[in-house]
């Protein structure tokens, strides 16, 4: 399958941006990497209370199939991390590198 990259923008509940970033770094990133995703970076926009990150997958399955595997994994369930507790809004855009 061709490489798929998504730019994800999350608007985080007031007062939870740093906690979300920490949990993302410590819990989400390791599992994503274990499942073959790559992370192109992550940024905090404190003025807008947003968390932005790039995630890619370049493997035998589609991005959607691999993402479904992530969400259904026992490791993901064991996190006890409900995005709705932190995120007010999410936006996912599939993007291509221009440089």
C-alpha atoms as a PDB file:
ATOM      1  CA  UNK A   1       0.000   0.000   0.000  1.00  0.00           C
ATOM      2  CA  UNK A   2       1.190   3.566  -0.586  1.00  0.00           C
ATOM      3  CA  UNK A   3       2.294   5.635   2.381  1.00  0.00           C
ATOM      4  CA  UNK A   4      -0.524   7.575   4.017  1.00  0.00           C
ATOM      5  CA  UNK A   5       0.113  10.587   6.229  1.00  0.00           C
ATOM      6  CA  UNK A   6      -2.460  12.389   8.310  1.00  0.00           C
ATOM      7  CA  UNK A   7      -2.227  15.786   9.939  1.00  0.00           C
ATOM      8  CA  UNK A   8      -4.348  15.607  13.059  1.00  0.00           C
ATOM      9  CA  UNK A   9      -5.541  18.672  14.933  1.00  0.00           C
ATOM     10  CA  UNK A  10      -7.148  18.207  18.314  1.00  0.00           C
ATOM     11  CA  UNK A  11      -8.807  20.984  20.265  1.00  0.00           C
ATOM     12  CA  UNK A  12      -8.231  20.087  23.908  1.00  0.00           C
ATOM     13  CA  UNK A  13     -10.444  20.917  26.885  1.00  0.00           C
ATOM     14  CA  UNK A  14      -9.318  23.930  28.908  1.00  0.00           C
ATOM     15  CA  UNK A  15      -6.584  23.112  31.386  1.00  0.00           C
ATOM     16  CA  UNK A  16      -5.812  19.655  29.955  1.00  0.00           C
ATOM     17  CA  UNK A  17      -3.371  20.406  27.120  1.00  0.00           C
ATOM     18  CA  UNK A  18      -0.212  19.447  29.013  1.00  0.00           C
ATOM     19  CA  UNK A  19      -1.798  16.335  30.506  1.00  0.00           C
ATOM     20  CA  UNK A  20      -3.045  15.259  27.077  1.00  0.00           C
ATOM     21  CA  UNK A  21       0.421  15.807  25.549  1.00  0.00           C
ATOM     22  CA  UNK A  22       2.052  13.778  28.312  1.00  0.00           C
ATOM     23  CA  UNK A  23      -0.357  10.873  27.994  1.00  0.00           C
ATOM     24  CA  UNK A  24      -0.063  10.962  24.193  1.00  0.00           C
ATOM     25  CA  UNK A  25       3.757  10.817  24.455  1.00  0.00           C
ATOM     26  CA  UNK A  26       3.889   8.134  27.147  1.00  0.00           C
ATOM     27  CA  UNK A  27       0.994   5.883  26.140  1.00  0.00           C
ATOM     28  CA  UNK A  28      -0.183   6.461  22.588  1.00  0.00           C
ATOM     29  CA  UNK A  29       3.137   6.965  20.792  1.00  0.00           C
ATOM     30  CA  UNK A  30       4.784   3.699  21.944  1.00  0.00           C
ATOM     31  CA  UNK A  31       1.811   1.614  20.801  1.00  0.00           C
ATOM     32  CA  UNK A  32       1.527   3.451  17.491  1.00  0.00           C
ATOM     33  CA  UNK A  33       5.234   2.832  16.829  1.00  0.00           C
ATOM     34  CA  UNK A  34       4.916  -0.825  17.844  1.00  0.00           C
ATOM     35  CA  UNK A  35       2.122  -1.218  15.282  1.00  0.00           C
ATOM     36  CA  UNK A  36       4.239   0.216  12.459  1.00  0.00           C
ATOM     37  CA  UNK A  37       3.117   3.839  12.394  1.00  0.00           C
ATOM     38  CA  UNK A  38       5.613   6.680  12.248  1.00  0.00           C
ATOM     39  CA  UNK A  39       5.177   9.987  14.010  1.00  0.00           C
ATOM     40  CA  UNK A  40       6.400  13.023  12.078  1.00  0.00           C
ATOM     41  CA  UNK A  41       6.202  15.381  15.028  1.00  0.00           C
ATOM     42  CA  UNK A  42       3.771  16.975  17.444  1.00  0.00           C
ATOM     43  CA  UNK A  43       3.138  20.594  18.360  1.00  0.00           C
ATOM     44  CA  UNK A  44       1.215  22.539  20.987  1.00  0.00           C
ATOM     45  CA  UNK A  45      -0.696  25.661  19.979  1.00  0.00           C
ATOM     46  CA  UNK A  46      -1.367  27.097  23.414  1.00  0.00           C
ATOM     47  CA  UNK A  47      -3.195  30.140  22.078  1.00  0.00           C
ATOM     48  CA  UNK A  48      -5.833  27.905  20.468  1.00  0.00           C
ATOM     49  CA  UNK A  49      -5.563  25.095  23.025  1.00  0.00           C
ATOM     50  CA  UNK A  50      -4.728  22.692  20.194  1.00  0.00           C
ATOM     51  CA  UNK A  51      -2.508  19.666  19.793  1.00  0.00           C
ATOM     52  CA  UNK A  52      -1.286  18.961  16.253  1.00  0.00           C
ATOM     53  CA  UNK A  53       0.606  15.912  15.043  1.00  0.00           C
ATOM     54  CA  UNK A  54       1.621  13.966  11.952  1.00  0.00           C
ATOM     55  CA  UNK A  55       1.092  10.228  11.744  1.00  0.00           C
ATOM     56  CA  UNK A  56       2.019   7.979   8.810  1.00  0.00           C
ATOM     57  CA  UNK A  57       1.669   4.357   7.862  1.00  0.00           C
ATOM     58  CA  UNK A  58       3.483   2.597   5.044  1.00  0.00           C
ATOM     59  CA  UNK A  59       2.824  -1.114   5.310  1.00  0.00           C
ATOM     60  CA  UNK A  60       0.962  -4.039   3.813  1.00  0.00           C
ATOM     61  CA  UNK A  61      -2.462  -2.862   5.022  1.00  0.00           C
ATOM     62  CA  UNK A  62      -4.281   0.393   4.433  1.00  0.00           C
ATOM     63  CA  UNK A  63      -3.994   3.173   6.975  1.00  0.00           C
ATOM     64  CA  UNK A  64      -7.627   2.588   7.935  1.00  0.00           C
ATOM     65  CA  UNK A  65      -7.076  -1.143   8.492  1.00  0.00           C
ATOM     66  CA  UNK A  66      -3.995  -0.553  10.628  1.00  0.00           C
ATOM     67  CA  UNK A  67      -5.750   2.212  12.546  1.00  0.00           C
ATOM     68  CA  UNK A  68      -8.644  -0.157  13.296  1.00  0.00           C
ATOM     69  CA  UNK A  69      -6.098  -2.665  14.644  1.00  0.00           C
ATOM     70  CA  UNK A  70      -4.713   0.043  16.943  1.00  0.00           C
ATOM     71  CA  UNK A  71      -8.161   0.894  18.313  1.00  0.00           C
ATOM     72  CA  UNK A  72      -9.153  -2.753  18.843  1.00  0.00           C
ATOM     73  CA  UNK A  73      -5.872  -3.808  20.477  1.00  0.00           C
ATOM     74  CA  UNK A  74      -5.858  -4.967  24.104  1.00  0.00           C
ATOM     75  CA  UNK A  75      -2.983  -2.543  24.757  1.00  0.00           C
ATOM     76  CA  UNK A  76      -5.126   0.395  23.638  1.00  0.00           C
ATOM     77  CA  UNK A  77      -8.012  -0.739  25.808  1.00  0.00           C
ATOM     78  CA  UNK A  78      -5.680  -1.178  28.808  1.00  0.00           C
ATOM     79  CA  UNK A  79      -4.705   2.514  28.614  1.00  0.00           C
ATOM     80  CA  UNK A  80      -8.054   3.518  30.046  1.00  0.00           C
ATOM     81  CA  UNK A  81      -7.713   6.663  27.962  1.00  0.00           C
ATOM     82  CA  UNK A  82     -10.965   8.003  26.558  1.00  0.00           C
ATOM     83  CA  UNK A  83     -10.225  10.809  24.065  1.00  0.00           C
ATOM     84  CA  UNK A  84     -13.619  12.365  24.839  1.00  0.00           C
ATOM     85  CA  UNK A  85     -12.345  13.161  28.337  1.00  0.00           C
ATOM     86  CA  UNK A  86      -9.694  15.427  26.776  1.00  0.00           C
ATOM     87  CA  UNK A  87     -10.733  16.434  23.279  1.00  0.00           C
ATOM     88  CA  UNK A  88     -13.461  18.870  22.306  1.00  0.00           C
ATOM     89  CA  UNK A  89     -12.915  18.520  18.563  1.00  0.00           C
ATOM     90  CA  UNK A  90     -10.745  16.457  16.232  1.00  0.00           C
ATOM     91  CA  UNK A  91      -9.802  17.030  12.616  1.00  0.00           C
ATOM     92  CA  UNK A  92      -7.904  14.577  10.422  1.00  0.00           C
ATOM     93  CA  UNK A  93      -6.510  15.531   7.043  1.00  0.00           C
ATOM     94  CA  UNK A  94      -4.708  13.182   4.690  1.00  0.00           C
ATOM     95  CA  UNK A  95      -1.735  15.112   3.326  1.00  0.00           C
ATOM     96  CA  UNK A  96       1.154  14.614   0.902  1.00  0.00           C
ATOM     97  CA  UNK A  97       4.677  15.913   1.284  1.00  0.00           C
ATOM     98  CA  UNK A  98       5.518  18.819  -1.017  1.00  0.00           C
ATOM     99  CA  UNK A  99       9.052  19.233   0.293  1.00  0.00           C
END
